């Protein structure tokens, strides 16, 4: 790891000023991902900015419309234990419970979980100059690609690793960002960018910008949600495939549907065609089968990852069956 300078600002203004000091500044939240990539030489920061001492980036607050605002530096364990989250957004609690280990959840932050770098052993190994590190190609195409993307590859087949991202997108979350030009807000689904837009980055953060807050709208009336994840080992592993489903019903009719995947694409992968089928046909046995078949449309598998198609269909079917009324 190369030498770096370090600051711990106590206000956002100080943090923004610190971002302008170095050629390669990096923001430090929980540090569970950044410190590992820096040790391997994947990240080469010359200036680390610790955000933990900025009070306005921490905490969970109810909004006037009964939604929630979560500070980006709030620890994952604190989010999962917050009573307002437990009562109104149980799918987020489910997703956090399946994130890494209790030790990491006690250190890692929700903003850091959204901004972590992708899972790809070629990207994370210092000896492979892949396209994401400004190399010439993706080693996964002709190499070991068991864990790589089946959607949205576009020449780079990393997978998005976050468990909280699909759950938050399914809930309709928005994020607040601040930078030298002021603050802006955008849907969390637009926060992530694929390799066709940016081969070396994963988010819409511009240089010297900071993710500050996550905004959750009030839960829709009659809504239920479920997060399911398949991984090789129960503890610490990232998703081979995960599925976040949020449905709202009124008089047995589905009025709102969101289905978002992780572990299958460079970004959290939403399935709008599946959502349309659920809105039109509900969760009858025939409809569930159609949604599962539709969910894998457009997938492009490689030599070792076709099993993800079966996992995806199985997880989605399980989620929809569990969320279906017993008499449907």
C-alpha atoms as a PDB file:
ATOM      1  CA  UNK A   1       0.000   0.000   0.000  1.00  0.00           C
ATOM      2  CA  UNK A   2       1.433   3.346  -0.978  1.00  0.00           C
ATOM      3  CA  UNK A   3       1.697   6.175   1.597  1.00  0.00           C
ATOM      4  CA  UNK A   4      -1.336   8.439   1.966  1.00  0.00           C
ATOM      5  CA  UNK A   5      -2.498  11.405   3.989  1.00  0.00           C
ATOM      6  CA  UNK A   6      -5.548  11.232   6.244  1.00  0.00           C
ATOM      7  CA  UNK A   7      -8.202  13.665   7.436  1.00  0.00           C
ATOM      8  CA  UNK A   8     -11.323  13.284   9.570  1.00  0.00           C
ATOM      9  CA  UNK A   9     -13.602  16.240   8.772  1.00  0.00           C
ATOM     10  CA  UNK A  10     -16.488  17.053  11.076  1.00  0.00           C
ATOM     11  CA  UNK A  11     -18.701  18.813   8.503  1.00  0.00           C
ATOM     12  CA  UNK A  12     -19.671  18.171   4.909  1.00  0.00           C
ATOM     13  CA  UNK A  13     -18.030  21.429   3.846  1.00  0.00           C
ATOM     14  CA  UNK A  14     -14.744  20.239   5.326  1.00  0.00           C
ATOM     15  CA  UNK A  15     -15.132  16.887   3.563  1.00  0.00           C
ATOM     16  CA  UNK A  16     -15.738  18.558   0.202  1.00  0.00           C
ATOM     17  CA  UNK A  17     -12.674  20.743   0.722  1.00  0.00           C
ATOM     18  CA  UNK A  18     -10.593  17.656   1.572  1.00  0.00           C
ATOM     19  CA  UNK A  19     -11.702  15.947  -1.636  1.00  0.00           C
ATOM     20  CA  UNK A  20      -9.995  18.663  -3.652  1.00  0.00           C
ATOM     21  CA  UNK A  21      -6.592  18.191  -1.991  1.00  0.00           C
ATOM     22  CA  UNK A  22      -5.325  15.004  -3.611  1.00  0.00           C
ATOM     23  CA  UNK A  23      -5.095  13.540  -7.071  1.00  0.00           C
ATOM     24  CA  UNK A  24      -6.663  10.279  -5.869  1.00  0.00           C
ATOM     25  CA  UNK A  25      -8.741  10.998  -2.758  1.00  0.00           C
ATOM     26  CA  UNK A  26     -10.976   8.266  -1.387  1.00  0.00           C
ATOM     27  CA  UNK A  27     -13.845   8.422   1.074  1.00  0.00           C
ATOM     28  CA  UNK A  28     -13.639   6.105   4.073  1.00  0.00           C
ATOM     29  CA  UNK A  29     -16.857   4.883   5.675  1.00  0.00           C
ATOM     30  CA  UNK A  30     -16.715   1.467   7.366  1.00  0.00           C
ATOM     31  CA  UNK A  31     -13.585   0.628   5.394  1.00  0.00           C
ATOM     32  CA  UNK A  32     -14.471  -3.064   5.026  1.00  0.00           C
ATOM     33  CA  UNK A  33     -14.054  -2.930   1.232  1.00  0.00           C
ATOM     34  CA  UNK A  34     -11.715   0.010   0.606  1.00  0.00           C
ATOM     35  CA  UNK A  35      -8.912  -1.128   2.911  1.00  0.00           C
ATOM     36  CA  UNK A  36      -8.814  -4.532   1.248  1.00  0.00           C
ATOM     37  CA  UNK A  37      -8.630  -3.171  -2.282  1.00  0.00           C
ATOM     38  CA  UNK A  38      -5.991  -0.637  -1.212  1.00  0.00           C
ATOM     39  CA  UNK A  39      -3.805  -3.364   0.292  1.00  0.00           C
ATOM     40  CA  UNK A  40      -3.964  -5.266  -2.993  1.00  0.00           C
ATOM     41  CA  UNK A  41      -3.101  -2.171  -5.013  1.00  0.00           C
ATOM     42  CA  UNK A  42      -6.474  -2.121  -6.780  1.00  0.00           C
ATOM     43  CA  UNK A  43      -7.223   1.230  -5.163  1.00  0.00           C
ATOM     44  CA  UNK A  44      -4.287   3.639  -4.868  1.00  0.00           C
ATOM     45  CA  UNK A  45      -5.507   6.537  -2.710  1.00  0.00           C
ATOM     46  CA  UNK A  46      -3.140   9.356  -1.885  1.00  0.00           C
ATOM     47  CA  UNK A  47      -5.608  10.892   0.565  1.00  0.00           C
ATOM     48  CA  UNK A  48      -8.178   9.165   2.785  1.00  0.00           C
ATOM     49  CA  UNK A  49     -11.146  11.140   4.109  1.00  0.00           C
ATOM     50  CA  UNK A  50     -12.892   9.530   7.061  1.00  0.00           C
ATOM     51  CA  UNK A  51     -16.582  10.467   7.087  1.00  0.00           C
ATOM     52  CA  UNK A  52     -17.455   8.945  10.455  1.00  0.00           C
ATOM     53  CA  UNK A  53     -17.074  12.202  12.386  1.00  0.00           C
ATOM     54  CA  UNK A  54     -19.752  14.043  10.379  1.00  0.00           C
ATOM     55  CA  UNK A  55     -22.942  13.914  12.507  1.00  0.00           C
ATOM     56  CA  UNK A  56     -25.362  14.744   9.695  1.00  0.00           C
ATOM     57  CA  UNK A  57     -24.365  11.591   7.801  1.00  0.00           C
ATOM     58  CA  UNK A  58     -25.540   9.316  10.608  1.00  0.00           C
ATOM     59  CA  UNK A  59     -28.967   8.426  11.921  1.00  0.00           C
ATOM     60  CA  UNK A  60     -32.484   7.436  10.891  1.00  0.00           C
ATOM     61  CA  UNK A  61     -35.283   9.983  10.864  1.00  0.00           C
ATOM     62  CA  UNK A  62     -38.954   9.813   9.980  1.00  0.00           C
ATOM     63  CA  UNK A  63     -40.054  12.326   7.343  1.00  0.00           C
ATOM     64  CA  UNK A  64     -43.298  14.361   7.430  1.00  0.00           C
ATOM     65  CA  UNK A  65     -44.908  11.976   4.922  1.00  0.00           C
ATOM     66  CA  UNK A  66     -44.037   8.972   7.163  1.00  0.00           C
ATOM     67  CA  UNK A  67     -41.122   7.888   5.032  1.00  0.00           C
ATOM     68  CA  UNK A  68     -37.572   7.548   6.335  1.00  0.00           C
ATOM     69  CA  UNK A  69     -34.242   9.239   5.787  1.00  0.00           C
ATOM     70  CA  UNK A  70     -31.128   7.178   6.533  1.00  0.00           C
ATOM     71  CA  UNK A  71     -27.724   8.799   6.812  1.00  0.00           C
ATOM     72  CA  UNK A  72     -25.177   7.156   4.518  1.00  0.00           C
ATOM     73  CA  UNK A  73     -22.715   6.471   7.353  1.00  0.00           C
ATOM     74  CA  UNK A  74     -25.305   4.711   9.514  1.00  0.00           C
ATOM     75  CA  UNK A  75     -24.075   1.238  10.380  1.00  0.00           C
ATOM     76  CA  UNK A  76     -25.913  -1.684   8.795  1.00  0.00           C
ATOM     77  CA  UNK A  77     -26.636  -3.193  12.206  1.00  0.00           C
ATOM     78  CA  UNK A  78     -28.198   0.078  13.405  1.00  0.00           C
ATOM     79  CA  UNK A  79     -30.475   0.183  10.348  1.00  0.00           C
ATOM     80  CA  UNK A  80     -31.605  -3.405  10.861  1.00  0.00           C
ATOM     81  CA  UNK A  81     -32.364  -2.819  14.548  1.00  0.00           C
ATOM     82  CA  UNK A  82     -34.248   0.453  14.118  1.00  0.00           C
ATOM     83  CA  UNK A  83     -37.888  -0.007  15.096  1.00  0.00           C
ATOM     84  CA  UNK A  84     -39.242   2.127  12.247  1.00  0.00           C
ATOM     85  CA  UNK A  85     -37.315   0.037   9.728  1.00  0.00           C
ATOM     86  CA  UNK A  86     -38.399  -3.216  11.371  1.00  0.00           C
ATOM     87  CA  UNK A  87     -42.067  -2.217  11.332  1.00  0.00           C
ATOM     88  CA  UNK A  88     -42.285  -0.600   7.904  1.00  0.00           C
ATOM     89  CA  UNK A  89     -39.495  -2.017   5.743  1.00  0.00           C
ATOM     90  CA  UNK A  90     -38.936  -5.653   6.794  1.00  0.00           C
ATOM     91  CA  UNK A  91     -37.425  -6.539   3.408  1.00  0.00           C
ATOM     92  CA  UNK A  92     -34.516  -4.218   4.192  1.00  0.00           C
ATOM     93  CA  UNK A  93     -34.000  -5.967   7.532  1.00  0.00           C
ATOM     94  CA  UNK A  94     -33.999  -9.309   5.689  1.00  0.00           C
ATOM     95  CA  UNK A  95     -31.392  -8.068   3.216  1.00  0.00           C
ATOM     96  CA  UNK A  96     -29.088  -6.703   5.928  1.00  0.00           C
ATOM     97  CA  UNK A  97     -29.373  -9.950   7.898  1.00  0.00           C
ATOM     98  CA  UNK A  98     -27.883 -11.754   4.881  1.00  0.00           C
ATOM     99  CA  UNK A  99     -25.035  -9.279   4.420  1.00  0.00           C
ATOM    100  CA  UNK A 100     -21.656 -10.728   5.385  1.00  0.00           C
ATOM    101  CA  UNK A 101     -21.075 -11.389   9.114  1.00  0.00           C
ATOM    102  CA  UNK A 102     -22.293  -9.702  12.316  1.00  0.00           C
ATOM    103  CA  UNK A 103     -18.835  -8.172  12.754  1.00  0.00           C
ATOM    104  CA  UNK A 104     -18.949  -6.572   9.318  1.00  0.00           C
ATOM    105  CA  UNK A 105     -22.536  -5.398   9.823  1.00  0.00           C
ATOM    106  CA  UNK A 106     -21.372  -3.697  13.029  1.00  0.00           C
ATOM    107  CA  UNK A 107     -18.678  -1.856  11.066  1.00  0.00           C
ATOM    108  CA  UNK A 108     -19.986  -1.461   7.535  1.00  0.00           C
ATOM    109  CA  UNK A 109     -22.310   1.379   6.590  1.00  0.00           C
ATOM    110  CA  UNK A 110     -25.355   1.407   4.393  1.00  0.00           C
ATOM    111  CA  UNK A 111     -23.769   3.961   2.055  1.00  0.00           C
ATOM    112  CA  UNK A 112     -20.605   1.908   1.858  1.00  0.00           C
ATOM    113  CA  UNK A 113     -22.621  -1.196   1.067  1.00  0.00           C
ATOM    114  CA  UNK A 114     -24.150   0.611  -1.908  1.00  0.00           C
ATOM    115  CA  UNK A 115     -20.795   1.978  -3.104  1.00  0.00           C
ATOM    116  CA  UNK A 116     -18.606  -1.113  -2.717  1.00  0.00           C
ATOM    117  CA  UNK A 117     -16.521  -2.205  -5.676  1.00  0.00           C
ATOM    118  CA  UNK A 118     -17.638  -5.167  -7.811  1.00  0.00           C
ATOM    119  CA  UNK A 119     -17.011  -8.817  -7.146  1.00  0.00           C
ATOM    120  CA  UNK A 120     -14.685 -10.299  -9.754  1.00  0.00           C
ATOM    121  CA  UNK A 121     -11.533 -12.201  -8.893  1.00  0.00           C
ATOM    122  CA  UNK A 122      -9.791 -10.915 -12.019  1.00  0.00           C
ATOM    123  CA  UNK A 123     -10.559  -7.303 -11.095  1.00  0.00           C
ATOM    124  CA  UNK A 124      -9.494  -7.850  -7.490  1.00  0.00           C
ATOM    125  CA  UNK A 125      -6.253  -9.641  -8.354  1.00  0.00           C
ATOM    126  CA  UNK A 126      -3.330  -7.257  -8.957  1.00  0.00           C
ATOM    127  CA  UNK A 127      -1.830  -9.466 -11.690  1.00  0.00           C
ATOM    128  CA  UNK A 128      -4.761  -9.252 -14.129  1.00  0.00           C
ATOM    129  CA  UNK A 129      -4.916  -5.971 -16.119  1.00  0.00           C
ATOM    130  CA  UNK A 130      -8.604  -6.280 -16.978  1.00  0.00           C
ATOM    131  CA  UNK A 131     -10.658  -3.720 -18.847  1.00  0.00           C
ATOM    132  CA  UNK A 132     -11.989  -2.272 -15.589  1.00  0.00           C
ATOM    133  CA  UNK A 133      -8.398  -1.427 -14.650  1.00  0.00           C
ATOM    134  CA  UNK A 134      -7.849   0.159 -18.073  1.00  0.00           C
ATOM    135  CA  UNK A 135      -6.570  -3.097 -19.540  1.00  0.00           C
ATOM    136  CA  UNK A 136      -7.515  -4.644 -22.837  1.00  0.00           C
ATOM    137  CA  UNK A 137     -10.294  -7.119 -22.091  1.00  0.00           C
ATOM    138  CA  UNK A 138     -12.387  -9.182 -19.670  1.00  0.00           C
ATOM    139  CA  UNK A 139     -10.536 -12.297 -18.511  1.00  0.00           C
ATOM    140  CA  UNK A 140     -13.806 -13.925 -17.424  1.00  0.00           C
ATOM    141  CA  UNK A 141     -14.982 -14.424 -21.012  1.00  0.00           C
ATOM    142  CA  UNK A 142     -12.530 -17.251 -21.651  1.00  0.00           C
ATOM    143  CA  UNK A 143     -11.627 -17.962 -18.044  1.00  0.00           C
ATOM    144  CA  UNK A 144     -13.239 -18.886 -14.741  1.00  0.00           C
ATOM    145  CA  UNK A 145     -16.661 -17.278 -14.997  1.00  0.00           C
ATOM    146  CA  UNK A 146     -18.760 -19.282 -12.539  1.00  0.00           C
ATOM    147  CA  UNK A 147     -19.704 -16.185 -10.547  1.00  0.00           C
ATOM    148  CA  UNK A 148     -19.971 -13.655 -13.362  1.00  0.00           C
ATOM    149  CA  UNK A 149     -22.841 -11.744 -14.949  1.00  0.00           C
ATOM    150  CA  UNK A 150     -25.595 -13.221 -17.115  1.00  0.00           C
ATOM    151  CA  UNK A 151     -27.212  -9.830 -17.821  1.00  0.00           C
ATOM    152  CA  UNK A 152     -25.805  -6.461 -18.895  1.00  0.00           C
ATOM    153  CA  UNK A 153     -22.179  -7.457 -19.384  1.00  0.00           C
ATOM    154  CA  UNK A 154     -21.214  -5.265 -22.355  1.00  0.00           C
ATOM    155  CA  UNK A 155     -17.602  -6.435 -22.400  1.00  0.00           C
ATOM    156  CA  UNK A 156     -17.207  -6.517 -18.611  1.00  0.00           C
ATOM    157  CA  UNK A 157     -18.966  -9.259 -16.646  1.00  0.00           C
ATOM    158  CA  UNK A 158     -18.593  -8.143 -13.037  1.00  0.00           C
ATOM    159  CA  UNK A 159     -21.552  -8.627 -10.696  1.00  0.00           C
ATOM    160  CA  UNK A 160     -22.994  -6.096  -8.299  1.00  0.00           C
ATOM    161  CA  UNK A 161     -22.404  -7.402  -4.746  1.00  0.00           C
ATOM    162  CA  UNK A 162     -24.764  -5.373  -2.535  1.00  0.00           C
ATOM    163  CA  UNK A 163     -27.602  -7.080  -0.658  1.00  0.00           C
ATOM    164  CA  UNK A 164     -29.202  -3.817   0.408  1.00  0.00           C
ATOM    165  CA  UNK A 165     -29.324  -2.280  -3.085  1.00  0.00           C
ATOM    166  CA  UNK A 166     -31.987  -4.578  -4.621  1.00  0.00           C
ATOM    167  CA  UNK A 167     -34.165  -4.303  -1.518  1.00  0.00           C
ATOM    168  CA  UNK A 168     -33.890  -0.496  -1.463  1.00  0.00           C
ATOM    169  CA  UNK A 169     -34.619  -0.199  -5.195  1.00  0.00           C
ATOM    170  CA  UNK A 170     -37.652  -2.461  -4.781  1.00  0.00           C
ATOM    171  CA  UNK A 171     -38.823  -0.077  -2.036  1.00  0.00           C
ATOM    172  CA  UNK A 172     -38.474   2.950  -4.352  1.00  0.00           C
ATOM    173  CA  UNK A 173     -35.527   4.531  -2.513  1.00  0.00           C
ATOM    174  CA  UNK A 174     -33.877   7.732  -3.644  1.00  0.00           C
ATOM    175  CA  UNK A 175     -30.403   8.983  -2.786  1.00  0.00           C
ATOM    176  CA  UNK A 176     -29.088  12.440  -1.970  1.00  0.00           C
ATOM    177  CA  UNK A 177     -25.664  13.473  -3.224  1.00  0.00           C
ATOM    178  CA  UNK A 178     -23.631  16.585  -2.456  1.00  0.00           C
ATOM    179  CA  UNK A 179     -20.706  18.006  -4.372  1.00  0.00           C
ATOM    180  CA  UNK A 180     -18.986  21.290  -5.257  1.00  0.00           C
ATOM    181  CA  UNK A 181     -22.031  22.341  -7.280  1.00  0.00           C
ATOM    182  CA  UNK A 182     -24.515  21.711  -4.490  1.00  0.00           C
ATOM    183  CA  UNK A 183     -26.837  18.809  -3.727  1.00  0.00           C
ATOM    184  CA  UNK A 184     -28.904  16.644  -6.028  1.00  0.00           C
ATOM    185  CA  UNK A 185     -31.258  13.718  -5.665  1.00  0.00           C
ATOM    186  CA  UNK A 186     -31.987  10.783  -7.921  1.00  0.00           C
ATOM    187  CA  UNK A 187     -33.683   7.384  -7.776  1.00  0.00           C
ATOM    188  CA  UNK A 188     -31.375   4.726  -6.381  1.00  0.00           C
ATOM    189  CA  UNK A 189     -31.967   2.712  -9.557  1.00  0.00           C
ATOM    190  CA  UNK A 190     -30.275   5.536 -11.499  1.00  0.00           C
ATOM    191  CA  UNK A 191     -27.373   5.717  -9.052  1.00  0.00           C
ATOM    192  CA  UNK A 192     -25.795   2.577 -10.504  1.00  0.00           C
ATOM    193  CA  UNK A 193     -24.241   2.594 -13.976  1.00  0.00           C
ATOM    194  CA  UNK A 194     -23.191  -0.381 -16.068  1.00  0.00           C
ATOM    195  CA  UNK A 195     -20.019  -0.907 -18.113  1.00  0.00           C
ATOM    196  CA  UNK A 196     -21.680   0.430 -21.243  1.00  0.00           C
ATOM    197  CA  UNK A 197     -21.734   3.835 -19.506  1.00  0.00           C
ATOM    198  CA  UNK A 198     -18.570   3.636 -17.389  1.00  0.00           C
ATOM    199  CA  UNK A 199     -15.977   0.872 -17.704  1.00  0.00           C
ATOM    200  CA  UNK A 200     -14.019   1.925 -14.617  1.00  0.00           C
ATOM    201  CA  UNK A 201     -16.765   2.943 -12.184  1.00  0.00           C
ATOM    202  CA  UNK A 202     -20.096   1.681 -10.903  1.00  0.00           C
ATOM    203  CA  UNK A 203     -22.072   4.713  -9.729  1.00  0.00           C
ATOM    204  CA  UNK A 204     -23.294   8.088 -10.923  1.00  0.00           C
ATOM    205  CA  UNK A 205     -21.087   9.896  -8.403  1.00  0.00           C
ATOM    206  CA  UNK A 206     -19.104  12.613 -10.157  1.00  0.00           C
ATOM    207  CA  UNK A 207     -15.595  13.562  -8.979  1.00  0.00           C
ATOM    208  CA  UNK A 208     -15.634  15.118  -5.490  1.00  0.00           C
ATOM    209  CA  UNK A 209     -19.230  14.086  -4.775  1.00  0.00           C
ATOM    210  CA  UNK A 210     -20.435  12.336  -1.617  1.00  0.00           C
ATOM    211  CA  UNK A 211     -23.456  10.108  -1.072  1.00  0.00           C
ATOM    212  CA  UNK A 212     -25.135  11.638   1.970  1.00  0.00           C
ATOM    213  CA  UNK A 213     -28.580  10.119   2.540  1.00  0.00           C
ATOM    214  CA  UNK A 214     -31.011   7.437   1.427  1.00  0.00           C
ATOM    215  CA  UNK A 215     -34.677   8.422   1.321  1.00  0.00           C
ATOM    216  CA  UNK A 216     -37.404   5.791   1.628  1.00  0.00           C
ATOM    217  CA  UNK A 217     -40.987   6.649   0.680  1.00  0.00           C
ATOM    218  CA  UNK A 218     -43.789   5.584   3.025  1.00  0.00           C
ATOM    219  CA  UNK A 219     -44.709   1.948   2.436  1.00  0.00           C
ATOM    220  CA  UNK A 220     -47.616   1.460   0.053  1.00  0.00           C
ATOM    221  CA  UNK A 221     -50.883   0.340   1.619  1.00  0.00           C
ATOM    222  CA  UNK A 222     -51.154  -3.437   1.624  1.00  0.00           C
ATOM    223  CA  UNK A 223     -47.506  -3.932   0.651  1.00  0.00           C
ATOM    224  CA  UNK A 224     -45.383  -6.967   1.470  1.00  0.00           C
ATOM    225  CA  UNK A 225     -41.824  -7.790   0.537  1.00  0.00           C
ATOM    226  CA  UNK A 226     -39.298 -10.584   0.586  1.00  0.00           C
ATOM    227  CA  UNK A 227     -35.556 -10.862  -0.007  1.00  0.00           C
ATOM    228  CA  UNK A 228     -34.109 -14.272  -0.879  1.00  0.00           C
ATOM    229  CA  UNK A 229     -30.476 -15.073  -1.549  1.00  0.00           C
ATOM    230  CA  UNK A 230     -28.576 -18.100  -2.795  1.00  0.00           C
ATOM    231  CA  UNK A 231     -24.887 -18.374  -1.912  1.00  0.00           C
ATOM    232  CA  UNK A 232     -22.356 -21.177  -1.646  1.00  0.00           C
ATOM    233  CA  UNK A 233     -21.855 -20.769   2.095  1.00  0.00           C
ATOM    234  CA  UNK A 234     -24.266 -19.355   4.623  1.00  0.00           C
ATOM    235  CA  UNK A 235     -21.797 -16.920   6.196  1.00  0.00           C
ATOM    236  CA  UNK A 236     -19.753 -14.191   4.513  1.00  0.00           C
ATOM    237  CA  UNK A 237     -20.525 -15.180   0.922  1.00  0.00           C
ATOM    238  CA  UNK A 238     -21.854 -12.808  -1.702  1.00  0.00           C
ATOM    239  CA  UNK A 239     -24.940 -13.744  -3.668  1.00  0.00           C
ATOM    240  CA  UNK A 240     -24.806 -16.148  -6.560  1.00  0.00           C
ATOM    241  CA  UNK A 241     -28.315 -14.849  -7.194  1.00  0.00           C
ATOM    242  CA  UNK A 242     -30.604 -12.783  -4.976  1.00  0.00           C
ATOM    243  CA  UNK A 243     -34.176 -11.633  -5.501  1.00  0.00           C
ATOM    244  CA  UNK A 244     -36.005  -8.704  -3.903  1.00  0.00           C
ATOM    245  CA  UNK A 245     -39.774  -8.605  -4.440  1.00  0.00           C
ATOM    246  CA  UNK A 246     -42.204  -5.954  -3.201  1.00  0.00           C
ATOM    247  CA  UNK A 247     -45.916  -6.316  -3.941  1.00  0.00           C
ATOM    248  CA  UNK A 248     -48.932  -4.238  -2.886  1.00  0.00           C
ATOM    249  CA  UNK A 249     -52.501  -5.504  -3.086  1.00  0.00           C
ATOM    250  CA  UNK A 250     -55.923  -3.955  -2.902  1.00  0.00           C
ATOM    251  CA  UNK A 251     -58.953  -6.246  -2.852  1.00  0.00           C
ATOM    252  CA  UNK A 252     -56.772  -9.184  -3.980  1.00  0.00           C
ATOM    253  CA  UNK A 253     -55.534  -7.212  -7.002  1.00  0.00           C
ATOM    254  CA  UNK A 254     -51.813  -6.439  -7.267  1.00  0.00           C
ATOM    255  CA  UNK A 255     -51.506  -2.665  -7.602  1.00  0.00           C
ATOM    256  CA  UNK A 256     -47.745  -2.327  -7.299  1.00  0.00           C
ATOM    257  CA  UNK A 257     -44.896  -4.694  -8.138  1.00  0.00           C
ATOM    258  CA  UNK A 258     -41.114  -4.387  -8.027  1.00  0.00           C
ATOM    259  CA  UNK A 259     -38.678  -7.231  -8.730  1.00  0.00           C
ATOM    260  CA  UNK A 260     -34.932  -6.548  -8.488  1.00  0.00           C
ATOM    261  CA  UNK A 261     -31.997  -8.969  -8.687  1.00  0.00           C
ATOM    262  CA  UNK A 262     -28.407  -8.950  -7.494  1.00  0.00           C
ATOM    263  CA  UNK A 263     -25.487 -11.237  -8.266  1.00  0.00           C
ATOM    264  CA  UNK A 264     -26.439 -11.513 -11.936  1.00  0.00           C
ATOM    265  CA  UNK A 265     -25.383  -8.203 -13.523  1.00  0.00           C
ATOM    266  CA  UNK A 266     -22.923  -5.317 -13.089  1.00  0.00           C
ATOM    267  CA  UNK A 267     -25.758  -3.324 -11.499  1.00  0.00           C
ATOM    268  CA  UNK A 268     -28.861  -4.275  -9.497  1.00  0.00           C
ATOM    269  CA  UNK A 269     -31.064  -5.745 -12.218  1.00  0.00           C
ATOM    270  CA  UNK A 270     -34.736  -4.808 -12.312  1.00  0.00           C
ATOM    271  CA  UNK A 271     -37.248  -6.965 -14.205  1.00  0.00           C
ATOM    272  CA  UNK A 272     -39.962  -4.626 -15.591  1.00  0.00           C
ATOM    273  CA  UNK A 273     -41.545  -7.300 -17.819  1.00  0.00           C
ATOM    274  CA  UNK A 274     -41.993  -9.550 -14.805  1.00  0.00           C
ATOM    275  CA  UNK A 275     -43.581  -6.656 -12.921  1.00  0.00           C
ATOM    276  CA  UNK A 276     -46.025  -6.098 -15.795  1.00  0.00           C
ATOM    277  CA  UNK A 277     -47.123  -9.734 -15.728  1.00  0.00           C
ATOM    278  CA  UNK A 278     -47.696  -9.587 -11.978  1.00  0.00           C
ATOM    279  CA  UNK A 279     -49.802  -6.445 -12.315  1.00  0.00           C
ATOM    280  CA  UNK A 280     -51.870  -7.951 -15.119  1.00  0.00           C
ATOM    281  CA  UNK A 281     -52.189 -11.558 -13.979  1.00  0.00           C
ATOM    282  CA  UNK A 282     -51.429 -11.682 -10.270  1.00  0.00           C
ATOM    283  CA  UNK A 283     -49.738 -14.631  -8.586  1.00  0.00           C
ATOM    284  CA  UNK A 284     -51.719 -17.626  -9.761  1.00  0.00           C
ATOM    285  CA  UNK A 285     -49.705 -20.769 -10.416  1.00  0.00           C
ATOM    286  CA  UNK A 286     -49.853 -20.142 -14.160  1.00  0.00           C
ATOM    287  CA  UNK A 287     -48.773 -16.508 -13.762  1.00  0.00           C
ATOM    288  CA  UNK A 288     -45.865 -17.435 -11.503  1.00  0.00           C
ATOM    289  CA  UNK A 289     -44.601 -19.896 -14.089  1.00  0.00           C
ATOM    290  CA  UNK A 290     -44.847 -17.215 -16.780  1.00  0.00           C
ATOM    291  CA  UNK A 291     -42.988 -14.687 -14.638  1.00  0.00           C
ATOM    292  CA  UNK A 292     -40.177 -17.175 -13.984  1.00  0.00           C
ATOM    293  CA  UNK A 293     -39.809 -17.929 -17.696  1.00  0.00           C
ATOM    294  CA  UNK A 294     -39.851 -14.221 -18.504  1.00  0.00           C
ATOM    295  CA  UNK A 295     -37.263 -13.442 -15.796  1.00  0.00           C
ATOM    296  CA  UNK A 296     -34.475 -15.201 -17.702  1.00  0.00           C
ATOM    297  CA  UNK A 297     -35.254 -13.687 -21.091  1.00  0.00           C
ATOM    298  CA  UNK A 298     -32.255 -11.806 -22.480  1.00  0.00           C
ATOM    299  CA  UNK A 299     -29.744 -13.634 -20.300  1.00  0.00           C
ATOM    300  CA  UNK A 300     -26.392 -14.515 -21.863  1.00  0.00           C
ATOM    301  CA  UNK A 301     -24.539 -17.250 -20.036  1.00  0.00           C
ATOM    302  CA  UNK A 302     -20.888 -18.214 -20.332  1.00  0.00           C
ATOM    303  CA  UNK A 303     -19.163 -21.570 -20.012  1.00  0.00           C
ATOM    304  CA  UNK A 304     -19.622 -21.996 -16.242  1.00  0.00           C
ATOM    305  CA  UNK A 305     -22.538 -19.821 -15.072  1.00  0.00           C
ATOM    306  CA  UNK A 306     -25.672 -21.179 -16.780  1.00  0.00           C
ATOM    307  CA  UNK A 307     -26.728 -22.583 -13.381  1.00  0.00           C
ATOM    308  CA  UNK A 308     -27.708 -19.028 -12.437  1.00  0.00           C
ATOM    309  CA  UNK A 309     -30.755 -19.329 -14.709  1.00  0.00           C
ATOM    310  CA  UNK A 310     -32.096 -22.215 -12.634  1.00  0.00           C
ATOM    311  CA  UNK A 311     -31.280 -20.441  -9.380  1.00  0.00           C
ATOM    312  CA  UNK A 312     -33.002 -17.267 -10.526  1.00  0.00           C
ATOM    313  CA  UNK A 313     -36.196 -19.032 -11.552  1.00  0.00           C
ATOM    314  CA  UNK A 314     -36.248 -21.057  -8.348  1.00  0.00           C
ATOM    315  CA  UNK A 315     -35.736 -18.070  -6.042  1.00  0.00           C
ATOM    316  CA  UNK A 316     -38.322 -15.977  -7.854  1.00  0.00           C
ATOM    317  CA  UNK A 317     -40.876 -18.778  -7.729  1.00  0.00           C
ATOM    318  CA  UNK A 318     -40.233 -19.286  -4.016  1.00  0.00           C
ATOM    319  CA  UNK A 319     -40.600 -15.566  -3.304  1.00  0.00           C
ATOM    320  CA  UNK A 320     -43.842 -15.205  -5.262  1.00  0.00           C
ATOM    321  CA  UNK A 321     -45.341 -18.323  -3.697  1.00  0.00           C
ATOM    322  CA  UNK A 322     -44.527 -17.056  -0.205  1.00  0.00           C
ATOM    323  CA  UNK A 323     -46.055 -13.645  -1.002  1.00  0.00           C
ATOM    324  CA  UNK A 324     -49.194 -15.091  -2.580  1.00  0.00           C
ATOM    325  CA  UNK A 325     -52.502 -15.274  -0.685  1.00  0.00           C
ATOM    326  CA  UNK A 326     -53.163 -18.815   0.423  1.00  0.00           C
ATOM    327  CA  UNK A 327     -56.343 -19.096  -1.657  1.00  0.00           C
ATOM    328  CA  UNK A 328     -54.697 -17.897  -4.922  1.00  0.00           C
END
